[in-house]
PDB file of N, CA and C in Angstrom:
ATOM      1  N   MET A   1       0.833  -1.186   0.000  1.00  0.00           N
ATOM      2  CA  MET A   1       0.000   0.000   0.000  1.00  0.00           C
ATOM      3  C   MET A   1       0.875   1.246   0.000  1.00  0.00           C
ATOM      4  N   ILE A   2       0.518   2.227  -0.813  1.00  0.00           N
ATOM      5  CA  ILE A   2       1.265   3.467  -0.935  1.00  0.00           C
ATOM      6  C   ILE A   2       0.840   4.409   0.189  1.00  0.00           C
ATOM      7  N   THR A   3       1.815   5.029   0.820  1.00  0.00           N
ATOM      8  CA  THR A   3       1.527   6.005   1.865  1.00  0.00           C
ATOM      9  C   THR A   3       1.133   7.326   1.227  1.00  0.00           C
ATOM     10  N   GLN A   4       0.013   7.857   1.655  1.00  0.00           N
ATOM     11  CA  GLN A   4      -0.488   9.124   1.128  1.00  0.00           C
ATOM     12  C   GLN A   4      -0.115  10.241   2.088  1.00  0.00           C
ATOM     13  N   SER A   5       0.203  11.383   1.543  1.00  0.00           N
ATOM     14  CA  SER A   5       0.500  12.577   2.315  1.00  0.00           C
ATOM     15  C   SER A   5      -0.704  13.502   2.246  1.00  0.00           C
ATOM     16  N   SER A   6      -0.916  14.279   3.302  1.00  0.00           N
ATOM     17  CA  SER A   6      -2.034  15.219   3.288  1.00  0.00           C
ATOM     18  C   SER A   6      -1.804  16.339   2.275  1.00  0.00           C
ATOM     19  N   GLU A   7      -0.563  16.497   1.808  1.00  0.00           N
ATOM     20  CA  GLU A   7      -0.247  17.526   0.825  1.00  0.00           C
ATOM     21  C   GLU A   7      -0.506  17.051  -0.609  1.00  0.00           C
ATOM     22  N   GLN A   8      -0.834  15.799  -0.775  1.00  0.00           N
ATOM     23  CA  GLN A   8      -1.061  15.248  -2.108  1.00  0.00           C
ATOM     24  C   GLN A   8      -2.494  15.490  -2.550  1.00  0.00           C
ATOM     25  N   GLU A   9      -2.645  15.816  -3.839  1.00  0.00           N
ATOM     26  CA  GLU A   9      -3.978  15.990  -4.402  1.00  0.00           C
ATOM     27  C   GLU A   9      -4.409  14.734  -5.142  1.00  0.00           C
ATOM     28  N   PHE A  10      -3.709  13.662  -4.951  1.00  0.00           N
ATOM     29  CA  PHE A  10      -4.086  12.409  -5.590  1.00  0.00           C
ATOM     30  C   PHE A  10      -4.262  11.333  -4.544  1.00  0.00           C
ATOM     31  N   ASP A  11      -4.992  10.327  -4.920  1.00  0.00           N
ATOM     32  CA  ASP A  11      -5.273   9.196  -4.046  1.00  0.00           C
ATOM     33  C   ASP A  11      -5.155   7.946  -4.909  1.00  0.00           C
ATOM     34  N   LEU A  12      -4.221   7.097  -4.572  1.00  0.00           N
ATOM     35  CA  LEU A  12      -3.953   5.912  -5.385  1.00  0.00           C
ATOM     36  C   LEU A  12      -4.780   4.697  -4.965  1.00  0.00           C
ATOM     37  N   SER A  13      -5.776   4.900  -4.117  1.00  0.00           N
ATOM     38  CA  SER A  13      -6.591   3.775  -3.637  1.00  0.00           C
ATOM     39  C   SER A  13      -7.250   3.009  -4.779  1.00  0.00           C
ATOM     40  N   PHE A  14      -7.842   3.723  -5.722  1.00  0.00           N
ATOM     41  CA  PHE A  14      -8.509   3.066  -6.848  1.00  0.00           C
ATOM     42  C   PHE A  14      -7.502   2.290  -7.683  1.00  0.00           C
ATOM     43  N   LEU A  15      -6.364   2.904  -7.956  1.00  0.00           N
ATOM     44  CA  LEU A  15      -5.314   2.223  -8.722  1.00  0.00           C
ATOM     45  C   LEU A  15      -4.844   0.969  -8.002  1.00  0.00           C
ATOM     46  N   GLU A  16      -4.635   1.065  -6.694  1.00  0.00           N
ATOM     47  CA  GLU A  16      -4.219  -0.093  -5.914  1.00  0.00           C
ATOM     48  C   GLU A  16      -5.274  -1.202  -5.971  1.00  0.00           C
ATOM     49  N   GLU A  17      -6.529  -0.787  -5.915  1.00  0.00           N
ATOM     50  CA  GLU A  17      -7.622  -1.760  -5.944  1.00  0.00           C
ATOM     51  C   GLU A  17      -7.654  -2.520  -7.267  1.00  0.00           C
ATOM     52  N   ILE A  18      -7.582  -1.811  -8.373  1.00  0.00           N
ATOM     53  CA  ILE A  18      -7.666  -2.506  -9.657  1.00  0.00           C
ATOM     54  C   ILE A  18      -6.366  -3.233 -10.003  1.00  0.00           C
ATOM     55  N   ALA A  19      -5.244  -2.793  -9.426  1.00  0.00           N
ATOM     56  CA  ALA A  19      -3.973  -3.477  -9.660  1.00  0.00           C
ATOM     57  C   ALA A  19      -3.936  -4.806  -8.918  1.00  0.00           C
ATOM     58  N   ASP A  20      -4.697  -4.909  -7.845  1.00  0.00           N
ATOM     59  CA  ASP A  20      -4.800  -6.140  -7.067  1.00  0.00           C
ATOM     60  C   ASP A  20      -3.421  -6.724  -6.742  1.00  0.00           C
ATOM     61  N   GLY A  21      -2.530  -5.838  -6.263  1.00  0.00           N
ATOM     62  CA  GLY A  21      -1.204  -6.282  -5.850  1.00  0.00           C
ATOM     63  C   GLY A  21      -0.171  -6.333  -6.968  1.00  0.00           C
ATOM     64  N   ASN A  22      -0.559  -6.040  -8.183  1.00  0.00           N
ATOM     65  CA  ASN A  22       0.368  -6.075  -9.313  1.00  0.00           C
ATOM     66  C   ASN A  22       1.155  -4.763  -9.365  1.00  0.00           C
ATOM     67  N   LYS A  23       2.355  -4.800  -8.808  1.00  0.00           N
ATOM     68  CA  LYS A  23       3.205  -3.619  -8.718  1.00  0.00           C
ATOM     69  C   LYS A  23       3.584  -3.094 -10.106  1.00  0.00           C
ATOM     70  N   GLU A  24       3.846  -3.977 -11.032  1.00  0.00           N
ATOM     71  CA  GLU A  24       4.219  -3.560 -12.393  1.00  0.00           C
ATOM     72  C   GLU A  24       3.082  -2.793 -13.066  1.00  0.00           C
ATOM     73  N   PHE A  25       1.860  -3.254 -12.867  1.00  0.00           N
ATOM     74  CA  PHE A  25       0.698  -2.550 -13.419  1.00  0.00           C
ATOM     75  C   PHE A  25       0.623  -1.134 -12.860  1.00  0.00           C
ATOM     76  N   MET A  26       0.847  -1.002 -11.563  1.00  0.00           N
ATOM     77  CA  MET A  26       0.795   0.317 -10.934  1.00  0.00           C
ATOM     78  C   MET A  26       1.882   1.226 -11.490  1.00  0.00           C
ATOM     79  N   ILE A  27       3.091   0.704 -11.606  1.00  0.00           N
ATOM     80  CA  ILE A  27       4.206   1.502 -12.121  1.00  0.00           C
ATOM     81  C   ILE A  27       3.930   1.926 -13.560  1.00  0.00           C
ATOM     82  N   GLU A  28       3.447   1.001 -14.372  1.00  0.00           N
ATOM     83  CA  GLU A  28       3.135   1.323 -15.767  1.00  0.00           C
ATOM     84  C   GLU A  28       2.008   2.354 -15.867  1.00  0.00           C
ATOM     85  N   SER A  29       1.011   2.234 -15.009  1.00  0.00           N
ATOM     86  CA  SER A  29      -0.098   3.190 -15.014  1.00  0.00           C
ATOM     87  C   SER A  29       0.383   4.582 -14.614  1.00  0.00           C
ATOM     88  N   ILE A  30       1.200   4.647 -13.585  1.00  0.00           N
ATOM     89  CA  ILE A  30       1.758   5.932 -13.153  1.00  0.00           C
ATOM     90  C   ILE A  30       2.622   6.515 -14.265  1.00  0.00           C
ATOM     91  N   ASP A  31       3.442   5.672 -14.870  1.00  0.00           N
ATOM     92  CA  ASP A  31       4.317   6.133 -15.943  1.00  0.00           C
ATOM     93  C   ASP A  31       3.508   6.702 -17.116  1.00  0.00           C
ATOM     94  N   MET A  32       2.444   6.019 -17.485  1.00  0.00           N
ATOM     95  CA  MET A  32       1.599   6.490 -18.574  1.00  0.00           C
ATOM     96  C   MET A  32       0.987   7.857 -18.214  1.00  0.00           C
ATOM     97  N   PHE A  33       0.529   7.990 -16.987  1.00  0.00           N
ATOM     98  CA  PHE A  33      -0.027   9.264 -16.527  1.00  0.00           C
ATOM     99  C   PHE A  33       1.032  10.368 -16.605  1.00  0.00           C
ATOM    100  N   LEU A  34       2.254  10.039 -16.169  1.00  0.00           N
ATOM    101  CA  LEU A  34       3.335  11.021 -16.160  1.00  0.00           C
ATOM    102  C   LEU A  34       3.728  11.480 -17.563  1.00  0.00           C
ATOM    103  N   VAL A  35       3.522  10.638 -18.550  1.00  0.00           N
ATOM    104  CA  VAL A  35       3.835  11.001 -19.932  1.00  0.00           C
ATOM    105  C   VAL A  35       2.668  11.745 -20.575  1.00  0.00           C
ATOM    106  N   GLN A  36       1.465  11.197 -20.455  1.00  0.00           N
ATOM    107  CA  GLN A  36       0.313  11.735 -21.176  1.00  0.00           C
ATOM    108  C   GLN A  36      -0.227  13.045 -20.608  1.00  0.00           C
ATOM    109  N   THR A  37      -0.297  13.147 -19.312  1.00  0.00           N
ATOM    110  CA  THR A  37      -0.961  14.292 -18.693  1.00  0.00           C
ATOM    111  C   THR A  37      -0.261  15.623 -18.982  1.00  0.00           C
ATOM    112  N   PRO A  38       1.067  15.715 -18.842  1.00  0.00           N
ATOM    113  CA  PRO A  38       1.708  16.991 -19.200  1.00  0.00           C
ATOM    114  C   PRO A  38       1.503  17.362 -20.670  1.00  0.00           C
ATOM    115  N   GLU A  39       1.500  16.356 -21.549  1.00  0.00           N
ATOM    116  CA  GLU A  39       1.257  16.617 -22.967  1.00  0.00           C
ATOM    117  C   GLU A  39      -0.139  17.210 -23.175  1.00  0.00           C
ATOM    118  N   ILE A  40      -1.138  16.635 -22.512  1.00  0.00           N
ATOM    119  CA  ILE A  40      -2.510  17.129 -22.637  1.00  0.00           C
ATOM    120  C   ILE A  40      -2.616  18.551 -22.095  1.00  0.00           C
ATOM    121  N   PHE A  41      -2.018  18.803 -20.926  1.00  0.00           N
ATOM    122  CA  PHE A  41      -2.088  20.137 -20.338  1.00  0.00           C
ATOM    123  C   PHE A  41      -1.354  21.166 -21.198  1.00  0.00           C
ATOM    124  N   ASN A  42      -0.240  20.796 -21.795  1.00  0.00           N
ATOM    125  CA  ASN A  42       0.469  21.722 -22.692  1.00  0.00           C
ATOM    126  C   ASN A  42      -0.376  22.022 -23.925  1.00  0.00           C
ATOM    127  N   SER A  43      -1.008  21.012 -24.473  1.00  0.00           N
ATOM    128  CA  SER A  43      -1.885  21.223 -25.628  1.00  0.00           C
ATOM    129  C   SER A  43      -3.071  22.098 -25.254  1.00  0.00           C
ATOM    130  N   MET A  44      -3.623  21.878 -24.056  1.00  0.00           N
ATOM    131  CA  MET A  44      -4.735  22.716 -23.598  1.00  0.00           C
ATOM    132  C   MET A  44      -4.294  24.161 -23.432  1.00  0.00           C
ATOM    133  N   SER A  45      -3.119  24.367 -22.911  1.00  0.00           N
ATOM    134  CA  SER A  45      -2.598  25.717 -22.748  1.00  0.00           C
ATOM    135  C   SER A  45      -2.550  26.422 -24.095  1.00  0.00           C
ATOM    136  N   ASN A  46      -2.065  25.726 -25.103  1.00  0.00           N
ATOM    137  CA  ASN A  46      -2.005  26.295 -26.456  1.00  0.00           C
ATOM    138  C   ASN A  46      -3.396  26.563 -27.013  1.00  0.00           C
ATOM    139  N   SER A  47      -4.301  25.607 -26.845  1.00  0.00           N
ATOM    140  CA  SER A  47      -5.642  25.775 -27.412  1.00  0.00           C
ATOM    141  C   SER A  47      -6.399  26.916 -26.728  1.00  0.00           C
ATOM    142  N   ILE A  48      -6.196  27.092 -25.427  1.00  0.00           N
ATOM    143  CA  ILE A  48      -6.842  28.193 -24.715  1.00  0.00           C
ATOM    144  C   ILE A  48      -6.278  29.527 -25.191  1.00  0.00           C
ATOM    145  N   SER A  49      -4.955  29.600 -25.318  1.00  0.00           N
ATOM    146  CA  SER A  49      -4.365  30.874 -25.738  1.00  0.00           C
ATOM    147  C   SER A  49      -4.758  31.242 -27.171  1.00  0.00           C
ATOM    148  N   CYS A  50      -5.076  30.229 -27.996  1.00  0.00           N
ATOM    149  CA  CYS A  50      -5.508  30.489 -29.382  1.00  0.00           C
ATOM    150  C   CYS A  50      -7.022  30.639 -29.500  1.00  0.00           C
ATOM    151  N   GLY A  51      -7.738  30.409 -28.411  1.00  0.00           N
ATOM    152  CA  GLY A  51      -9.197  30.477 -28.459  1.00  0.00           C
ATOM    153  C   GLY A  51      -9.815  29.328 -29.234  1.00  0.00           C
ATOM    154  N   ASP A  52      -9.103  28.206 -29.288  1.00  0.00           N
ATOM    155  CA  ASP A  52      -9.599  27.006 -29.972  1.00  0.00           C
ATOM    156  C   ASP A  52     -10.431  26.203 -28.969  1.00  0.00           C
ATOM    157  N   TRP A  53     -11.698  26.578 -28.844  1.00  0.00           N
ATOM    158  CA  TRP A  53     -12.548  26.018 -27.793  1.00  0.00           C
ATOM    159  C   TRP A  53     -12.933  24.571 -28.049  1.00  0.00           C
ATOM    160  N   ALA A  54     -13.043  24.167 -29.303  1.00  0.00           N
ATOM    161  CA  ALA A  54     -13.366  22.759 -29.598  1.00  0.00           C
ATOM    162  C   ALA A  54     -12.242  21.851 -29.112  1.00  0.00           C
ATOM    163  N   THR A  55     -11.001  22.238 -29.383  1.00  0.00           N
ATOM    164  CA  THR A  55      -9.860  21.438 -28.925  1.00  0.00           C
ATOM    165  C   THR A  55      -9.748  21.476 -27.412  1.00  0.00           C
ATOM    166  N   THR A  56      -9.946  22.655 -26.838  1.00  0.00           N
ATOM    167  CA  THR A  56      -9.886  22.785 -25.374  1.00  0.00           C
ATOM    168  C   THR A  56     -10.899  21.854 -24.720  1.00  0.00           C
ATOM    169  N   SER A  57     -12.118  21.857 -25.228  1.00  0.00           N
ATOM    170  CA  SER A  57     -13.167  21.010 -24.681  1.00  0.00           C
ATOM    171  C   SER A  57     -12.809  19.538 -24.812  1.00  0.00           C
ATOM    172  N   ALA A  58     -12.326  19.140 -25.982  1.00  0.00           N
ATOM    173  CA  ALA A  58     -11.966  17.732 -26.216  1.00  0.00           C
ATOM    174  C   ALA A  58     -10.824  17.286 -25.301  1.00  0.00           C
ATOM    175  N   LEU A  59      -9.831  18.137 -25.117  1.00  0.00           N
ATOM    176  CA  LEU A  59      -8.700  17.789 -24.243  1.00  0.00           C
ATOM    177  C   LEU A  59      -9.118  17.715 -22.779  1.00  0.00           C
ATOM    178  N   ALA A  60      -9.963  18.649 -22.348  1.00  0.00           N
ATOM    179  CA  ALA A  60     -10.453  18.616 -20.964  1.00  0.00           C
ATOM    180  C   ALA A  60     -11.233  17.325 -20.725  1.00  0.00           C
ATOM    181  N   HIS A  61     -12.042  16.949 -21.700  1.00  0.00           N
ATOM    182  CA  HIS A  61     -12.804  15.703 -21.586  1.00  0.00           C
ATOM    183  C   HIS A  61     -11.859  14.492 -21.505  1.00  0.00           C
ATOM    184  N   LYS A  62     -10.851  14.501 -22.351  1.00  0.00           N
ATOM    185  CA  LYS A  62      -9.904  13.381 -22.411  1.00  0.00           C
ATOM    186  C   LYS A  62      -9.148  13.190 -21.095  1.00  0.00           C
ATOM    187  N   VAL A  63      -8.725  14.280 -20.480  1.00  0.00           N
ATOM    188  CA  VAL A  63      -7.891  14.175 -19.288  1.00  0.00           C
ATOM    189  C   VAL A  63      -8.696  13.815 -18.038  1.00  0.00           C
ATOM    190  N   LYS A  64      -9.991  14.030 -18.058  1.00  0.00           N
ATOM    191  CA  LYS A  64     -10.814  13.763 -16.864  1.00  0.00           C
ATOM    192  C   LYS A  64     -10.712  12.310 -16.398  1.00  0.00           C
ATOM    193  N   SER A  65     -10.717  11.368 -17.321  1.00  0.00           N
ATOM    194  CA  SER A  65     -10.645   9.963 -16.904  1.00  0.00           C
ATOM    195  C   SER A  65      -9.303   9.660 -16.242  1.00  0.00           C
ATOM    196  N   ASN A  66      -8.234  10.246 -16.763  1.00  0.00           N
ATOM    197  CA  ASN A  66      -6.917  10.053 -16.141  1.00  0.00           C
ATOM    198  C   ASN A  66      -6.918  10.592 -14.713  1.00  0.00           C
ATOM    199  N   LEU A  67      -7.509  11.762 -14.541  1.00  0.00           N
ATOM    200  CA  LEU A  67      -7.548  12.383 -13.225  1.00  0.00           C
ATOM    201  C   LEU A  67      -8.387  11.557 -12.250  1.00  0.00           C
ATOM    202  N   GLY A  68      -9.496  11.043 -12.718  1.00  0.00           N
ATOM    203  CA  GLY A  68     -10.342  10.205 -11.874  1.00  0.00           C
ATOM    204  C   GLY A  68      -9.648   8.920 -11.450  1.00  0.00           C
ATOM    205  N   PHE A  69      -8.905   8.353 -12.361  1.00  0.00           N
ATOM    206  CA  PHE A  69      -8.153   7.123 -12.112  1.00  0.00           C
ATOM    207  C   PHE A  69      -7.160   7.310 -10.970  1.00  0.00           C
ATOM    208  N   PHE A  70      -6.641   8.543 -10.832  1.00  0.00           N
ATOM    209  CA  PHE A  70      -5.649   8.843  -9.806  1.00  0.00           C
ATOM    210  C   PHE A  70      -6.227   9.637  -8.636  1.00  0.00           C
ATOM    211  N   GLY A  71      -7.551   9.622  -8.508  1.00  0.00           N
ATOM    212  CA  GLY A  71      -8.204  10.221  -7.356  1.00  0.00           C
ATOM    213  C   GLY A  71      -8.024  11.730  -7.250  1.00  0.00           C
ATOM    214  N   MET A  72      -7.894  12.405  -8.381  1.00  0.00           N
ATOM    215  CA  MET A  72      -7.712  13.859  -8.386  1.00  0.00           C
ATOM    216  C   MET A  72      -9.047  14.540  -8.652  1.00  0.00           C
ATOM    217  N   GLN A  73      -9.967  14.363  -7.728  1.00  0.00           N
ATOM    218  CA  GLN A  73     -11.344  14.804  -7.930  1.00  0.00           C
ATOM    219  C   GLN A  73     -11.465  16.314  -8.115  1.00  0.00           C
ATOM    220  N   ARG A  74     -10.748  17.095  -7.315  1.00  0.00           N
ATOM    221  CA  ARG A  74     -10.857  18.551  -7.433  1.00  0.00           C
ATOM    222  C   ARG A  74     -10.411  19.021  -8.812  1.00  0.00           C
ATOM    223  N   ILE A  75      -9.291  18.510  -9.286  1.00  0.00           N
ATOM    224  CA  ILE A  75      -8.786  18.913 -10.597  1.00  0.00           C
ATOM    225  C   ILE A  75      -9.705  18.380 -11.694  1.00  0.00           C
ATOM    226  N   LYS A  76     -10.229  17.188 -11.492  1.00  0.00           N
ATOM    227  CA  LYS A  76     -11.189  16.623 -12.449  1.00  0.00           C
ATOM    228  C   LYS A  76     -12.420  17.520 -12.552  1.00  0.00           C
ATOM    229  N   ASP A  77     -12.909  17.991 -11.416  1.00  0.00           N
ATOM    230  CA  ASP A  77     -14.063  18.901 -11.414  1.00  0.00           C
ATOM    231  C   ASP A  77     -13.744  20.207 -12.155  1.00  0.00           C
ATOM    232  N   GLU A  78     -12.529  20.707 -11.971  1.00  0.00           N
ATOM    233  CA  GLU A  78     -12.125  21.919 -12.689  1.00  0.00           C
ATOM    234  C   GLU A  78     -12.092  21.668 -14.197  1.00  0.00           C
ATOM    235  N   MET A  79     -11.615  20.500 -14.599  1.00  0.00           N
ATOM    236  CA  MET A  79     -11.585  20.160 -16.027  1.00  0.00           C
ATOM    237  C   MET A  79     -13.004  20.040 -16.579  1.00  0.00           C
ATOM    238  N   GLN A  80     -13.929  19.555 -15.755  1.00  0.00           N
ATOM    239  CA  GLN A  80     -15.337  19.476 -16.158  1.00  0.00           C
ATOM    240  C   GLN A  80     -15.879  20.872 -16.440  1.00  0.00           C
ATOM    241  N   GLU A  81     -15.582  21.815 -15.540  1.00  0.00           N
ATOM    242  CA  GLU A  81     -16.021  23.198 -15.731  1.00  0.00           C
ATOM    243  C   GLU A  81     -15.420  23.789 -17.003  1.00  0.00           C
ATOM    244  N   ILE A  82     -14.143  23.551 -17.214  1.00  0.00           N
ATOM    245  CA  ILE A  82     -13.458  24.065 -18.406  1.00  0.00           C
ATOM    246  C   ILE A  82     -14.048  23.448 -19.664  1.00  0.00           C
ATOM    247  N   GLU A  83     -14.307  22.146 -19.622  1.00  0.00           N
ATOM    248  CA  GLU A  83     -14.901  21.466 -20.775  1.00  0.00           C
ATOM    249  C   GLU A  83     -16.252  22.088 -21.136  1.00  0.00           C
ATOM    250  N   ILE A  84     -17.101  22.255 -20.150  1.00  0.00           N
ATOM    251  CA  ILE A  84     -18.436  22.815 -20.378  1.00  0.00           C
ATOM    252  C   ILE A  84     -18.337  24.236 -20.926  1.00  0.00           C
ATOM    253  N   ASN A  85     -17.460  25.032 -20.311  1.00  0.00           N
ATOM    254  CA  ASN A  85     -17.330  26.412 -20.763  1.00  0.00           C
ATOM    255  C   ASN A  85     -16.734  26.492 -22.167  1.00  0.00           C
ATOM    256  N   ALA A  86     -15.763  25.654 -22.460  1.00  0.00           N
ATOM    257  CA  ALA A  86     -15.161  25.659 -23.795  1.00  0.00           C
ATOM    258  C   ALA A  86     -16.193  25.259 -24.846  1.00  0.00           C
ATOM    259  N   LYS A  87     -17.047  24.276 -24.507  1.00  0.00           N
ATOM    260  CA  LYS A  87     -18.120  23.880 -25.434  1.00  0.00           C
ATOM    261  C   LYS A  87     -19.053  25.051 -25.719  1.00  0.00           C
ATOM    262  N   ALA A  88     -19.196  25.936 -24.737  1.00  0.00           N
ATOM    263  CA  ALA A  88     -20.072  27.099 -24.889  1.00  0.00           C
ATOM    264  C   ALA A  88     -19.349  28.273 -25.554  1.00  0.00           C
ATOM    265  N   GLY A  89     -18.133  28.036 -26.004  1.00  0.00           N
ATOM    266  CA  GLY A  89     -17.410  29.081 -26.717  1.00  0.00           C
ATOM    267  C   GLY A  89     -16.429  29.869 -25.879  1.00  0.00           C
ATOM    268  N   GLY A  90     -16.068  29.350 -24.712  1.00  0.00           N
ATOM    269  CA  GLY A  90     -15.068  30.021 -23.879  1.00  0.00           C
ATOM    270  C   GLY A  90     -15.524  31.352 -23.334  1.00  0.00           C
ATOM    271  N   THR A  91     -16.795  31.428 -22.949  1.00  0.00           N
ATOM    272  CA  THR A  91     -17.369  32.700 -22.512  1.00  0.00           C
ATOM    273  C   THR A  91     -16.966  33.121 -21.105  1.00  0.00           C
ATOM    274  N   ASP A  92     -16.479  32.201 -20.289  1.00  0.00           N
ATOM    275  CA  ASP A  92     -16.080  32.537 -18.921  1.00  0.00           C
ATOM    276  C   ASP A  92     -14.742  33.284 -18.947  1.00  0.00           C
ATOM    277  N   PRO A  93     -14.731  34.543 -18.501  1.00  0.00           N
ATOM    278  CA  PRO A  93     -13.473  35.301 -18.520  1.00  0.00           C
ATOM    279  C   PRO A  93     -12.417  34.717 -17.571  1.00  0.00           C
ATOM    280  N   MET A  94     -12.845  33.841 -16.668  1.00  0.00           N
ATOM    281  CA  MET A  94     -11.931  33.220 -15.713  1.00  0.00           C
ATOM    282  C   MET A  94     -11.406  31.868 -16.193  1.00  0.00           C
ATOM    283  N   LEU A  95     -11.798  31.439 -17.381  1.00  0.00           N
ATOM    284  CA  LEU A  95     -11.418  30.115 -17.871  1.00  0.00           C
ATOM    285  C   LEU A  95      -9.904  29.937 -17.856  1.00  0.00           C
ATOM    286  N   ALA A  96      -9.154  30.886 -18.373  1.00  0.00           N
ATOM    287  CA  ALA A  96      -7.693  30.770 -18.419  1.00  0.00           C
ATOM    288  C   ALA A  96      -7.107  30.697 -17.017  1.00  0.00           C
ATOM    289  N   LYS A  97      -7.644  31.481 -16.093  1.00  0.00           N
ATOM    290  CA  LYS A  97      -7.145  31.450 -14.711  1.00  0.00           C
ATOM    291  C   LYS A  97      -7.475  30.122 -14.039  1.00  0.00           C
ATOM    292  N   LYS A  98      -8.660  29.597 -14.290  1.00  0.00           N
ATOM    293  CA  LYS A  98      -9.033  28.284 -13.738  1.00  0.00           C
ATOM    294  C   LYS A  98      -8.088  27.211 -14.277  1.00  0.00           C
ATOM    295  N   PHE A  99      -7.796  27.308 -15.567  1.00  0.00           N
ATOM    296  CA  PHE A  99      -6.893  26.334 -16.160  1.00  0.00           C
ATOM    297  C   PHE A  99      -5.499  26.442 -15.544  1.00  0.00           C
ATOM    298  N   GLU A 100      -4.990  27.652 -15.378  1.00  0.00           N
ATOM    299  CA  GLU A 100      -3.648  27.831 -14.812  1.00  0.00           C
ATOM    300  C   GLU A 100      -3.589  27.297 -13.382  1.00  0.00           C
ATOM    301  N   SER A 101      -4.653  27.473 -12.629  1.00  0.00           N
ATOM    302  CA  SER A 101      -4.714  26.928 -11.273  1.00  0.00           C
ATOM    303  C   SER A 101      -4.655  25.400 -11.311  1.00  0.00           C
ATOM    304  N   ALA A 102      -5.431  24.807 -12.202  1.00  0.00           N
ATOM    305  CA  ALA A 102      -5.424  23.339 -12.345  1.00  0.00           C
ATOM    306  C   ALA A 102      -4.063  22.863 -12.807  1.00  0.00           C
ATOM    307  N   LYS A 103      -3.452  23.593 -13.725  1.00  0.00           N
ATOM    308  CA  LYS A 103      -2.136  23.211 -14.247  1.00  0.00           C
ATOM    309  C   LYS A 103      -1.078  23.259 -13.149  1.00  0.00           C
ATOM    310  N   LYS A 104      -1.161  24.266 -12.297  1.00  0.00           N
ATOM    311  CA  LYS A 104      -0.223  24.364 -11.171  1.00  0.00           C
ATOM    312  C   LYS A 104      -0.384  23.156 -10.238  1.00  0.00           C
ATOM    313  N   SER A 105      -1.613  22.797  -9.948  1.00  0.00           N
ATOM    314  CA  SER A 105      -1.883  21.646  -9.083  1.00  0.00           C
ATOM    315  C   SER A 105      -1.402  20.349  -9.720  1.00  0.00           C
ATOM    316  N   ILE A 106      -1.648  20.210 -11.015  1.00  0.00           N
ATOM    317  CA  ILE A 106      -1.257  18.964 -11.684  1.00  0.00           C
ATOM    318  C   ILE A 106       0.262  18.859 -11.755  1.00  0.00           C
ATOM    319  N   THR A 107       0.940  19.984 -11.924  1.00  0.00           N
ATOM    320  CA  THR A 107       2.403  19.969 -11.961  1.00  0.00           C
ATOM    321  C   THR A 107       2.959  19.488 -10.627  1.00  0.00           C
ATOM    322  N   LYS A 108       2.386  19.954  -9.538  1.00  0.00           N
ATOM    323  CA  LYS A 108       2.819  19.511  -8.206  1.00  0.00           C
ATOM    324  C   LYS A 108       2.540  18.015  -8.024  1.00  0.00           C
ATOM    325  N   SER A 109       1.379  17.569  -8.450  1.00  0.00           N
ATOM    326  CA  SER A 109       1.030  16.153  -8.323  1.00  0.00           C
ATOM    327  C   SER A 109       1.950  15.286  -9.164  1.00  0.00           C
ATOM    328  N   ILE A 110       2.327  15.759 -10.340  1.00  0.00           N
ATOM    329  CA  ILE A 110       3.225  14.997 -11.208  1.00  0.00           C
ATOM    330  C   ILE A 110       4.588  14.834 -10.536  1.00  0.00           C
ATOM    331  N   GLU A 111       5.079  15.899  -9.937  1.00  0.00           N
ATOM    332  CA  GLU A 111       6.353  15.812  -9.215  1.00  0.00           C
ATOM    333  C   GLU A 111       6.265  14.773  -8.101  1.00  0.00           C
ATOM    334  N   GLN A 112       5.154  14.780  -7.381  1.00  0.00           N
ATOM    335  CA  GLN A 112       4.970  13.821  -6.287  1.00  0.00           C
ATOM    336  C   GLN A 112       4.828  12.395  -6.823  1.00  0.00           C
ATOM    337  N   LEU A 113       4.142  12.236  -7.936  1.00  0.00           N
ATOM    338  CA  LEU A 113       3.982  10.900  -8.516  1.00  0.00           C
ATOM    339  C   LEU A 113       5.300  10.340  -9.016  1.00  0.00           C
ATOM    340  N   TYR A 114       6.188  11.183  -9.501  1.00  0.00           N
ATOM    341  CA  TYR A 114       7.531  10.724  -9.871  1.00  0.00           C
ATOM    342  C   TYR A 114       8.221  10.100  -8.658  1.00  0.00           C
ATOM    343  N   GLN A 115       8.062  10.739  -7.501  1.00  0.00           N
ATOM    344  CA  GLN A 115       8.671  10.214  -6.279  1.00  0.00           C
ATOM    345  C   GLN A 115       8.028   8.886  -5.867  1.00  0.00           C
ATOM    346  N   VAL A 116       6.716   8.810  -5.977  1.00  0.00           N
ATOM    347  CA  VAL A 116       6.014   7.561  -5.648  1.00  0.00           C
ATOM    348  C   VAL A 116       6.486   6.443  -6.564  1.00  0.00           C
ATOM    349  N   LYS A 117       6.610   6.740  -7.846  1.00  0.00           N
ATOM    350  CA  LYS A 117       7.068   5.747  -8.818  1.00  0.00           C
ATOM    351  C   LYS A 117       8.475   5.278  -8.485  1.00  0.00           C
ATOM    352  N   LYS A 118       9.365   6.205  -8.138  1.00  0.00           N
ATOM    353  CA  LYS A 118      10.739   5.850  -7.755  1.00  0.00           C
ATOM    354  C   LYS A 118      10.732   4.920  -6.546  1.00  0.00           C
ATOM    355  N   GLN A 119       9.902   5.245  -5.560  1.00  0.00           N
ATOM    356  CA  GLN A 119       9.813   4.418  -4.356  1.00  0.00           C
ATOM    357  C   GLN A 119       9.326   3.010  -4.706  1.00  0.00           C
ATOM    358  N   MET A 120       8.336   2.939  -5.575  1.00  0.00           N
ATOM    359  CA  MET A 120       7.803   1.642  -5.958  1.00  0.00           C
ATOM    360  C   MET A 120       8.856   0.825  -6.701  1.00  0.00           C
ATOM    361  N   GLU A 121       9.579   1.484  -7.589  1.00  0.00           N
ATOM    362  CA  GLU A 121      10.609   0.785  -8.351  1.00  0.00           C
ATOM    363  C   GLU A 121      11.742   0.313  -7.448  1.00  0.00           C
ATOM    364  N   ALA A 122      11.999   1.062  -6.378  1.00  0.00           N
ATOM    365  CA  ALA A 122      13.049   0.703  -5.436  1.00  0.00           C
ATOM    366  C   ALA A 122      12.552  -0.320  -4.407  1.00  0.00           C
ATOM    367  N   GLY A 123      11.243  -0.590  -4.440  1.00  0.00           N
ATOM    368  CA  GLY A 123      10.689  -1.568  -3.504  1.00  0.00           C
ATOM    369  C   GLY A 123      10.437  -1.031  -2.130  1.00  0.00           C
ATOM    370  N   VAL A 124      10.330   0.277  -2.004  1.00  0.00           N
ATOM    371  CA  VAL A 124      10.102   0.906  -0.700  1.00  0.00           C
ATOM    372  C   VAL A 124       8.651   0.796  -0.323  1.00  0.00           C
TER     373      VAL A 124
END
């Protein structure tokens, strides 16, 4: 079982449950998240700055399942809001600020997940 910190915005309980003790599955899942999520957030940053609301909406929708898988409910909820607003044409003047807040949180979580992955690989 992975030790959770109160400073973490993720919860690996669901991942642990579906991994059913398979450490390699957990490491691979974390690794996939660490690769895909920054790419999605970078693409979203570009689409928001260009006012490409269809792409922004699609990317927000895509990343929500990844966030749910890792117990990042608050950030997932923010992506839901961004998705809905982007579908409506990006009318919320706070959309970019909401995204930057979520991006800051996800960056911190990614750093922490790298450490969790290292610990798992080391057998800690």
